[in-house]
Amino acid sequence: MSKLTPGPQGRVYSADAMIRNTGELVDLLGPCSLVPRGHPSAIGEGWVEYAHRFAQACAIYGGTTEVIRNLIAERFLNLGRSRPASKT
């Protein structure tokens, strides 16, 4: 889907989908799916555990998904610029 949605929107969609899908996969396979690569009892030779860990980090590549969401809101949806709360 990210190839069909280029730019920052595709990056956010891909990160969210990967996190959601690997989480569901771990739920389906149970605790054994989190056995790391190289261990004899690892499911799928440990690739499920690796994909689950990698999914969490993919939301950070090229800027966090929250920063990219702000960019989309400002540039593509013409919403106001987000500002940090003022300190009083």
PDB file of N, CA and C in Angstrom:
ATOM      1  N   MET A   1       0.817  -1.191   0.000  1.00  0.00           N
ATOM      2  CA  MET A   1       0.000   0.000   0.000  1.00  0.00           C
ATOM      3  C   MET A   1       0.864   1.259   0.000  1.00  0.00           C
ATOM      4  N   SER A   2       2.037   1.202   0.609  1.00  0.00           N
ATOM      5  CA  SER A   2       2.869   2.402   0.653  1.00  0.00           C
ATOM      6  C   SER A   2       3.359   2.790  -0.725  1.00  0.00           C
ATOM      7  N   LYS A   3       3.475   1.830  -1.649  1.00  0.00           N
ATOM      8  CA  LYS A   3       3.878   2.154  -3.013  1.00  0.00           C
ATOM      9  C   LYS A   3       2.755   2.867  -3.751  1.00  0.00           C
ATOM     10  N   LEU A   4       1.514   2.616  -3.337  1.00  0.00           N
ATOM     11  CA  LEU A   4       0.383   3.288  -3.944  1.00  0.00           C
ATOM     12  C   LEU A   4       0.155   4.662  -3.347  1.00  0.00           C
ATOM     13  N   THR A   5       0.655   4.879  -2.157  1.00  0.00           N
ATOM     14  CA  THR A   5       0.518   6.161  -1.479  1.00  0.00           C
ATOM     15  C   THR A   5       1.915   6.727  -1.260  1.00  0.00           C
ATOM     16  N   PRO A   6       2.409   7.532  -2.188  1.00  0.00           N
ATOM     17  CA  PRO A   6       3.775   8.032  -2.077  1.00  0.00           C
ATOM     18  C   PRO A   6       3.908   9.139  -1.032  1.00  0.00           C
ATOM     19  N   GLY A   7       5.142   9.450  -0.721  1.00  0.00           N
ATOM     20  CA  GLY A   7       5.444  10.563   0.176  1.00  0.00           C
ATOM     21  C   GLY A   7       5.190  10.248   1.629  1.00  0.00           C
ATOM     22  N   PRO A   8       4.998  11.300   2.413  1.00  0.00           N
ATOM     23  CA  PRO A   8       4.852  11.112   3.858  1.00  0.00           C
ATOM     24  C   PRO A   8       3.605  10.318   4.240  1.00  0.00           C
ATOM     25  N   GLN A   9       2.529  10.438   3.454  1.00  0.00           N
ATOM     26  CA  GLN A   9       1.325   9.679   3.775  1.00  0.00           C
ATOM     27  C   GLN A   9       1.596   8.180   3.701  1.00  0.00           C
ATOM     28  N   GLY A  10       2.338   7.748   2.706  1.00  0.00           N
ATOM     29  CA  GLY A  10       2.675   6.332   2.564  1.00  0.00           C
ATOM     30  C   GLY A  10       3.545   5.838   3.692  1.00  0.00           C
ATOM     31  N   ARG A  11       4.455   6.697   4.141  1.00  0.00           N
ATOM     32  CA  ARG A  11       5.342   6.320   5.240  1.00  0.00           C
ATOM     33  C   ARG A  11       4.550   6.103   6.527  1.00  0.00           C
ATOM     34  N   VAL A  12       3.619   6.994   6.809  1.00  0.00           N
ATOM     35  CA  VAL A  12       2.800   6.862   8.016  1.00  0.00           C
ATOM     36  C   VAL A  12       1.916   5.629   7.912  1.00  0.00           C
ATOM     37  N   TYR A  13       1.299   5.437   6.757  1.00  0.00           N
ATOM     38  CA  TYR A  13       0.432   4.274   6.575  1.00  0.00           C
ATOM     39  C   TYR A  13       1.212   2.974   6.746  1.00  0.00           C
ATOM     40  N   SER A  14       2.392   2.913   6.143  1.00  0.00           N
ATOM     41  CA  SER A  14       3.209   1.692   6.226  1.00  0.00           C
ATOM     42  C   SER A  14       3.617   1.393   7.659  1.00  0.00           C
ATOM     43  N   ALA A  15       4.050   2.418   8.380  1.00  0.00           N
ATOM     44  CA  ALA A  15       4.477   2.219   9.766  1.00  0.00           C
ATOM     45  C   ALA A  15       3.318   1.736  10.624  1.00  0.00           C
ATOM     46  N   ASP A  16       2.166   2.383  10.489  1.00  0.00           N
ATOM     47  CA  ASP A  16       1.002   1.980  11.283  1.00  0.00           C
ATOM     48  C   ASP A  16       0.548   0.562  10.938  1.00  0.00           C
ATOM     49  N   ALA A  17       0.541   0.237   9.641  1.00  0.00           N
ATOM     50  CA  ALA A  17       0.107  -1.099   9.222  1.00  0.00           C
ATOM     51  C   ALA A  17       1.067  -2.172   9.718  1.00  0.00           C
ATOM     52  N   MET A  18       2.349  -1.898   9.651  1.00  0.00           N
ATOM     53  CA  MET A  18       3.325  -2.892  10.090  1.00  0.00           C
ATOM     54  C   MET A  18       3.227  -3.140  11.597  1.00  0.00           C
ATOM     55  N   ILE A  19       3.077  -2.083  12.363  1.00  0.00           N
ATOM     56  CA  ILE A  19       2.936  -2.238  13.817  1.00  0.00           C
ATOM     57  C   ILE A  19       1.670  -3.021  14.137  1.00  0.00           C
ATOM     58  N   ARG A  20       0.566  -2.658  13.496  1.00  0.00           N
ATOM     59  CA  ARG A  20      -0.717  -3.331  13.753  1.00  0.00           C
ATOM     60  C   ARG A  20      -0.658  -4.809  13.343  1.00  0.00           C
ATOM     61  N   ASN A  21      -0.136  -5.075  12.155  1.00  0.00           N
ATOM     62  CA  ASN A  21      -0.142  -6.450  11.649  1.00  0.00           C
ATOM     63  C   ASN A  21       0.809  -7.373  12.404  1.00  0.00           C
ATOM     64  N   THR A  22       1.987  -6.889  12.765  1.00  0.00           N
ATOM     65  CA  THR A  22       2.888  -7.762  13.524  1.00  0.00           C
ATOM     66  C   THR A  22       2.354  -7.990  14.931  1.00  0.00           C
ATOM     67  N   GLY A  23       1.687  -7.003  15.496  1.00  0.00           N
ATOM     68  CA  GLY A  23       1.062  -7.190  16.806  1.00  0.00           C
ATOM     69  C   GLY A  23      -0.014  -8.251  16.763  1.00  0.00           C
ATOM     70  N   GLU A  24      -0.832  -8.224  15.695  1.00  0.00           N
ATOM     71  CA  GLU A  24      -1.873  -9.239  15.538  1.00  0.00           C
ATOM     72  C   GLU A  24      -1.263 -10.625  15.318  1.00  0.00           C
ATOM     73  N   LEU A  25      -0.172 -10.675  14.577  1.00  0.00           N
ATOM     74  CA  LEU A  25       0.507 -11.952  14.336  1.00  0.00           C
ATOM     75  C   LEU A  25       1.034 -12.546  15.642  1.00  0.00           C
ATOM     76  N   VAL A  26       1.615 -11.710  16.481  1.00  0.00           N
ATOM     77  CA  VAL A  26       2.114 -12.179  17.779  1.00  0.00           C
ATOM     78  C   VAL A  26       0.952 -12.652  18.646  1.00  0.00           C
ATOM     79  N   ASP A  27      -0.176 -11.928  18.604  1.00  0.00           N
ATOM     80  CA  ASP A  27      -1.349 -12.371  19.365  1.00  0.00           C
ATOM     81  C   ASP A  27      -1.842 -13.734  18.890  1.00  0.00           C
ATOM     82  N   LEU A  28      -1.851 -13.945  17.582  1.00  0.00           N
ATOM     83  CA  LEU A  28      -2.315 -15.225  17.035  1.00  0.00           C
ATOM     84  C   LEU A  28      -1.386 -16.380  17.381  1.00  0.00           C
ATOM     85  N   LEU A  29      -0.088 -16.137  17.319  1.00  0.00           N
ATOM     86  CA  LEU A  29       0.882 -17.214  17.529  1.00  0.00           C
ATOM     87  C   LEU A  29       1.205 -17.454  18.997  1.00  0.00           C
ATOM     88  N   GLY A  30       0.942 -16.484  19.849  1.00  0.00           N
ATOM     89  CA  GLY A  30       1.175 -16.641  21.273  1.00  0.00           C
ATOM     90  C   GLY A  30       2.590 -16.285  21.700  1.00  0.00           C
ATOM     91  N   PRO A  31       2.908 -16.535  22.971  1.00  0.00           N
ATOM     92  CA  PRO A  31       4.201 -16.141  23.533  1.00  0.00           C
ATOM     93  C   PRO A  31       5.404 -16.761  22.826  1.00  0.00           C
ATOM     94  N   CYS A  32       5.237 -17.933  22.250  1.00  0.00           N
ATOM     95  CA  CYS A  32       6.365 -18.579  21.561  1.00  0.00           C
ATOM     96  C   CYS A  32       6.836 -17.772  20.360  1.00  0.00           C
ATOM     97  N   SER A  33       5.992 -16.875  19.851  1.00  0.00           N
ATOM     98  CA  SER A  33       6.390 -16.079  18.687  1.00  0.00           C
ATOM     99  C   SER A  33       7.437 -15.030  19.049  1.00  0.00           C
ATOM    100  N   LEU A  34       7.634 -14.776  20.332  1.00  0.00           N
ATOM    101  CA  LEU A  34       8.609 -13.772  20.759  1.00  0.00           C
ATOM    102  C   LEU A  34       9.955 -14.375  21.147  1.00  0.00           C
ATOM    103  N   VAL A  35      10.145 -15.651  20.837  1.00  0.00           N
ATOM    104  CA  VAL A  35      11.448 -16.282  21.064  1.00  0.00           C
ATOM    105  C   VAL A  35      12.394 -15.773  19.979  1.00  0.00           C
ATOM    106  N   PRO A  36      13.564 -15.247  20.355  1.00  0.00           N
ATOM    107  CA  PRO A  36      14.452 -14.614  19.372  1.00  0.00           C
ATOM    108  C   PRO A  36      15.091 -15.584  18.395  1.00  0.00           C
ATOM    109  N   ARG A  37      15.592 -15.025  17.322  1.00  0.00           N
ATOM    110  CA  ARG A  37      16.271 -15.800  16.285  1.00  0.00           C
ATOM    111  C   ARG A  37      17.441 -16.560  16.875  1.00  0.00           C
ATOM    112  N   GLY A  38      17.660 -17.745  16.344  1.00  0.00           N
ATOM    113  CA  GLY A  38      18.770 -18.564  16.802  1.00  0.00           C
ATOM    114  C   GLY A  38      18.396 -19.562  17.882  1.00  0.00           C
ATOM    115  N   HIS A  39      17.286 -19.350  18.555  1.00  0.00           N
ATOM    116  CA  HIS A  39      16.840 -20.273  19.595  1.00  0.00           C
ATOM    117  C   HIS A  39      16.103 -21.427  18.919  1.00  0.00           C
ATOM    118  N   PRO A  40      16.329 -22.661  19.377  1.00  0.00           N
ATOM    119  CA  PRO A  40      15.721 -23.820  18.705  1.00  0.00           C
ATOM    120  C   PRO A  40      14.194 -23.817  18.698  1.00  0.00           C
ATOM    121  N   SER A  41      13.558 -23.195  19.684  1.00  0.00           N
ATOM    122  CA  SER A  41      12.090 -23.212  19.732  1.00  0.00           C
ATOM    123  C   SER A  41      11.458 -21.974  19.092  1.00  0.00           C
ATOM    124  N   ALA A  42      12.235 -21.182  18.396  1.00  0.00           N
ATOM    125  CA  ALA A  42      11.707 -19.971  17.768  1.00  0.00           C
ATOM    126  C   ALA A  42      10.783 -20.323  16.608  1.00  0.00           C
ATOM    127  N   ILE A  43       9.650 -19.644  16.538  1.00  0.00           N
ATOM    128  CA  ILE A  43       8.696 -19.859  15.451  1.00  0.00           C
ATOM    129  C   ILE A  43       9.214 -19.142  14.209  1.00  0.00           C
ATOM    130  N   GLY A  44       9.196 -19.832  13.088  1.00  0.00           N
ATOM    131  CA  GLY A  44       9.663 -19.233  11.839  1.00  0.00           C
ATOM    132  C   GLY A  44      11.107 -18.800  11.905  1.00  0.00           C
ATOM    133  N   GLU A  45      11.906 -19.570  12.610  1.00  0.00           N
ATOM    134  CA  GLU A  45      13.333 -19.286  12.799  1.00  0.00           C
ATOM    135  C   GLU A  45      13.572 -17.921  13.443  1.00  0.00           C
ATOM    136  N   GLY A  46      12.591 -17.417  14.172  1.00  0.00           N
ATOM    137  CA  GLY A  46      12.736 -16.159  14.895  1.00  0.00           C
ATOM    138  C   GLY A  46      12.384 -14.924  14.096  1.00  0.00           C
ATOM    139  N   TRP A  47      11.906 -15.097  12.875  1.00  0.00           N
ATOM    140  CA  TRP A  47      11.588 -13.933  12.044  1.00  0.00           C
ATOM    141  C   TRP A  47      10.352 -13.191  12.535  1.00  0.00           C
ATOM    142  N   VAL A  48       9.452 -13.874  13.212  1.00  0.00           N
ATOM    143  CA  VAL A  48       8.264 -13.204  13.753  1.00  0.00           C
ATOM    144  C   VAL A  48       8.690 -12.213  14.831  1.00  0.00           C
ATOM    145  N   GLU A  49       9.562 -12.649  15.713  1.00  0.00           N
ATOM    146  CA  GLU A  49      10.059 -11.766  16.776  1.00  0.00           C
ATOM    147  C   GLU A  49      10.827 -10.598  16.181  1.00  0.00           C
ATOM    148  N   TYR A  50      11.651 -10.870  15.181  1.00  0.00           N
ATOM    149  CA  TYR A  50      12.432  -9.811  14.530  1.00  0.00           C
ATOM    150  C   TYR A  50      11.505  -8.786  13.864  1.00  0.00           C
ATOM    151  N   ALA A  51      10.483  -9.274  13.155  1.00  0.00           N
ATOM    152  CA  ALA A  51       9.552  -8.371  12.478  1.00  0.00           C
ATOM    153  C   ALA A  51       8.792  -7.518  13.485  1.00  0.00           C
ATOM    154  N   HIS A  52       8.442  -8.106  14.617  1.00  0.00           N
ATOM    155  CA  HIS A  52       7.723  -7.352  15.652  1.00  0.00           C
ATOM    156  C   HIS A  52       8.598  -6.234  16.222  1.00  0.00           C
ATOM    157  N   ARG A  53       9.854  -6.529  16.504  1.00  0.00           N
ATOM    158  CA  ARG A  53      10.775  -5.490  17.000  1.00  0.00           C
ATOM    159  C   ARG A  53      11.031  -4.440  15.936  1.00  0.00           C
ATOM    160  N   PHE A  54      11.237  -4.863  14.689  1.00  0.00           N
ATOM    161  CA  PHE A  54      11.509  -3.940  13.594  1.00  0.00           C
ATOM    162  C   PHE A  54      10.320  -3.007  13.355  1.00  0.00           C
ATOM    163  N   ALA A  55       9.112  -3.511  13.510  1.00  0.00           N
ATOM    164  CA  ALA A  55       7.912  -2.701  13.277  1.00  0.00           C
ATOM    165  C   ALA A  55       7.859  -1.508  14.217  1.00  0.00           C
ATOM    166  N   GLN A  56       8.282  -1.691  15.450  1.00  0.00           N
ATOM    167  CA  GLN A  56       8.248  -0.588  16.406  1.00  0.00           C
ATOM    168  C   GLN A  56       9.208   0.524  15.987  1.00  0.00           C
ATOM    169  N   ALA A  57      10.347   0.135  15.427  1.00  0.00           N
ATOM    170  CA  ALA A  57      11.348   1.129  15.025  1.00  0.00           C
ATOM    171  C   ALA A  57      11.009   1.791  13.708  1.00  0.00           C
ATOM    172  N   CYS A  58      10.207   1.153  12.862  1.00  0.00           N
ATOM    173  CA  CYS A  58       9.935   1.734  11.542  1.00  0.00           C
ATOM    174  C   CYS A  58       9.109   3.000  11.648  1.00  0.00           C
ATOM    175  N   ALA A  59       8.476   3.252  12.784  1.00  0.00           N
ATOM    176  CA  ALA A  59       7.730   4.493  12.976  1.00  0.00           C
ATOM    177  C   ALA A  59       8.666   5.674  13.206  1.00  0.00           C
ATOM    178  N   ILE A  60       9.951   5.407  13.380  1.00  0.00           N
ATOM    179  CA  ILE A  60      10.912   6.468  13.674  1.00  0.00           C
ATOM    180  C   ILE A  60      11.721   6.863  12.449  1.00  0.00           C
ATOM    181  N   TYR A  61      11.869   5.976  11.473  1.00  0.00           N
ATOM    182  CA  TYR A  61      12.697   6.254  10.302  1.00  0.00           C
ATOM    183  C   TYR A  61      12.223   7.504   9.582  1.00  0.00           C
ATOM    184  N   GLY A  62      13.137   8.397   9.275  1.00  0.00           N
ATOM    185  CA  GLY A  62      12.797   9.599   8.524  1.00  0.00           C
ATOM    186  C   GLY A  62      11.954  10.572   9.319  1.00  0.00           C
ATOM    187  N   GLY A  63      11.964  10.494  10.619  1.00  0.00           N
ATOM    188  CA  GLY A  63      11.144  11.338  11.486  1.00  0.00           C
ATOM    189  C   GLY A  63      10.001  10.519  12.051  1.00  0.00           C
ATOM    190  N   THR A  64       9.612  10.828  13.247  1.00  0.00           N
ATOM    191  CA  THR A  64       8.539  10.049  13.863  1.00  0.00           C
ATOM    192  C   THR A  64       7.246  10.232  13.098  1.00  0.00           C
ATOM    193  N   THR A  65       6.362   9.279  13.218  1.00  0.00           N
ATOM    194  CA  THR A  65       5.093   9.373  12.502  1.00  0.00           C
ATOM    195  C   THR A  65       4.281  10.574  12.977  1.00  0.00           C
ATOM    196  N   GLU A  66       4.463  10.986  14.224  1.00  0.00           N
ATOM    197  CA  GLU A  66       3.724  12.163  14.712  1.00  0.00           C
ATOM    198  C   GLU A  66       4.185  13.434  14.004  1.00  0.00           C
ATOM    199  N   VAL A  67       5.477  13.559  13.769  1.00  0.00           N
ATOM    200  CA  VAL A  67       5.999  14.718  13.038  1.00  0.00           C
ATOM    201  C   VAL A  67       5.464  14.706  11.612  1.00  0.00           C
ATOM    202  N   ILE A  68       5.451  13.537  10.995  1.00  0.00           N
ATOM    203  CA  ILE A  68       4.958  13.434   9.627  1.00  0.00           C
ATOM    204  C   ILE A  68       3.458  13.715   9.578  1.00  0.00           C
ATOM    205  N   ARG A  69       2.721  13.285  10.585  1.00  0.00           N
ATOM    206  CA  ARG A  69       1.282  13.601  10.629  1.00  0.00           C
ATOM    207  C   ARG A  69       1.063  15.109  10.709  1.00  0.00           C
ATOM    208  N   ASN A  70       1.878  15.789  11.493  1.00  0.00           N
ATOM    209  CA  ASN A  70       1.770  17.250  11.562  1.00  0.00           C
ATOM    210  C   ASN A  70       2.073  17.877  10.206  1.00  0.00           C
ATOM    211  N   LEU A  71       3.083  17.371   9.527  1.00  0.00           N
ATOM    212  CA  LEU A  71       3.438  17.868   8.202  1.00  0.00           C
ATOM    213  C   LEU A  71       2.277  17.671   7.223  1.00  0.00           C
ATOM    214  N   ILE A  72       1.659  16.520   7.255  1.00  0.00           N
ATOM    215  CA  ILE A  72       0.505  16.250   6.380  1.00  0.00           C
ATOM    216  C   ILE A  72      -0.635  17.219   6.702  1.00  0.00           C
ATOM    217  N   ALA A  73      -0.902  17.414   7.986  1.00  0.00           N
ATOM    218  CA  ALA A  73      -1.991  18.312   8.387  1.00  0.00           C
ATOM    219  C   ALA A  73      -1.735  19.738   7.920  1.00  0.00           C
ATOM    220  N   GLU A  74      -0.494  20.200   8.039  1.00  0.00           N
ATOM    221  CA  GLU A  74      -0.171  21.569   7.662  1.00  0.00           C
ATOM    222  C   GLU A  74      -0.131  21.769   6.152  1.00  0.00           C
ATOM    223  N   ARG A  75       0.545  20.892   5.442  1.00  0.00           N
ATOM    224  CA  ARG A  75       0.792  21.111   4.011  1.00  0.00           C
ATOM    225  C   ARG A  75      -0.284  20.575   3.090  1.00  0.00           C
ATOM    226  N   PHE A  76      -0.869  19.451   3.434  1.00  0.00           N
ATOM    227  CA  PHE A  76      -1.821  18.835   2.518  1.00  0.00           C
ATOM    228  C   PHE A  76      -3.275  19.095   2.904  1.00  0.00           C
ATOM    229  N   LEU A  77      -3.533  19.250   4.189  1.00  0.00           N
ATOM    230  CA  LEU A  77      -4.902  19.486   4.643  1.00  0.00           C
ATOM    231  C   LEU A  77      -5.153  20.949   4.986  1.00  0.00           C
ATOM    232  N   ASN A  78      -4.094  21.778   4.887  1.00  0.00           N
ATOM    233  CA  ASN A  78      -4.178  23.222   5.160  1.00  0.00           C
ATOM    234  C   ASN A  78      -4.725  23.535   6.550  1.00  0.00           C
ATOM    235  N   LEU A  79      -4.365  22.701   7.512  1.00  0.00           N
ATOM    236  CA  LEU A  79      -4.741  22.970   8.893  1.00  0.00           C
ATOM    237  C   LEU A  79      -3.696  23.879   9.520  1.00  0.00           C
ATOM    238  N   GLY A  80      -4.033  24.495  10.611  1.00  0.00           N
ATOM    239  CA  GLY A  80      -3.106  25.403  11.272  1.00  0.00           C
ATOM    240  C   GLY A  80      -1.864  24.694  11.783  1.00  0.00           C
ATOM    241  N   ARG A  81      -0.814  25.478  11.938  1.00  0.00           N
ATOM    242  CA  ARG A  81       0.443  24.928  12.428  1.00  0.00           C
ATOM    243  C   ARG A  81       0.317  24.574  13.903  1.00  0.00           C
ATOM    244  N   SER A  82       0.851  23.420  14.253  1.00  0.00           N
ATOM    245  CA  SER A  82       0.799  23.023  15.665  1.00  0.00           C
ATOM    246  C   SER A  82       1.878  23.775  16.427  1.00  0.00           C
ATOM    247  N   ARG A  83       1.530  24.237  17.587  1.00  0.00           N
ATOM    248  CA  ARG A  83       2.479  24.969  18.425  1.00  0.00           C
ATOM    249  C   ARG A  83       2.512  24.329  19.803  1.00  0.00           C
ATOM    250  N   PRO A  84       3.693  24.289  20.413  1.00  0.00           N
ATOM    251  CA  PRO A  84       3.752  23.752  21.770  1.00  0.00           C
ATOM    252  C   PRO A  84       3.011  24.661  22.734  1.00  0.00           C
ATOM    253  N   ALA A  85       2.512  24.069  23.797  1.00  0.00           N
ATOM    254  CA  ALA A  85       1.809  24.844  24.815  1.00  0.00           C
ATOM    255  C   ALA A  85       2.751  25.851  25.439  1.00  0.00           C
ATOM    256  N   SER A  86       2.257  27.052  25.686  1.00  0.00           N
ATOM    257  CA  SER A  86       3.112  28.089  26.285  1.00  0.00           C
ATOM    258  C   SER A  86       3.313  27.801  27.764  1.00  0.00           C
ATOM    259  N   LYS A  87       4.516  28.100  28.216  1.00  0.00           N
ATOM    260  CA  LYS A  87       4.844  27.894  29.624  1.00  0.00           C
ATOM    261  C   LYS A  87       4.587  29.181  30.374  1.00  0.00           C
ATOM    262  N   THR A  88       3.817  29.075  31.438  1.00  0.00           N
ATOM    263  CA  THR A  88       3.525  30.274  32.230  1.00  0.00           C
ATOM    264  C   THR A  88       4.079  30.145  33.609  1.00  0.00           C
TER     265      THR A  88
END
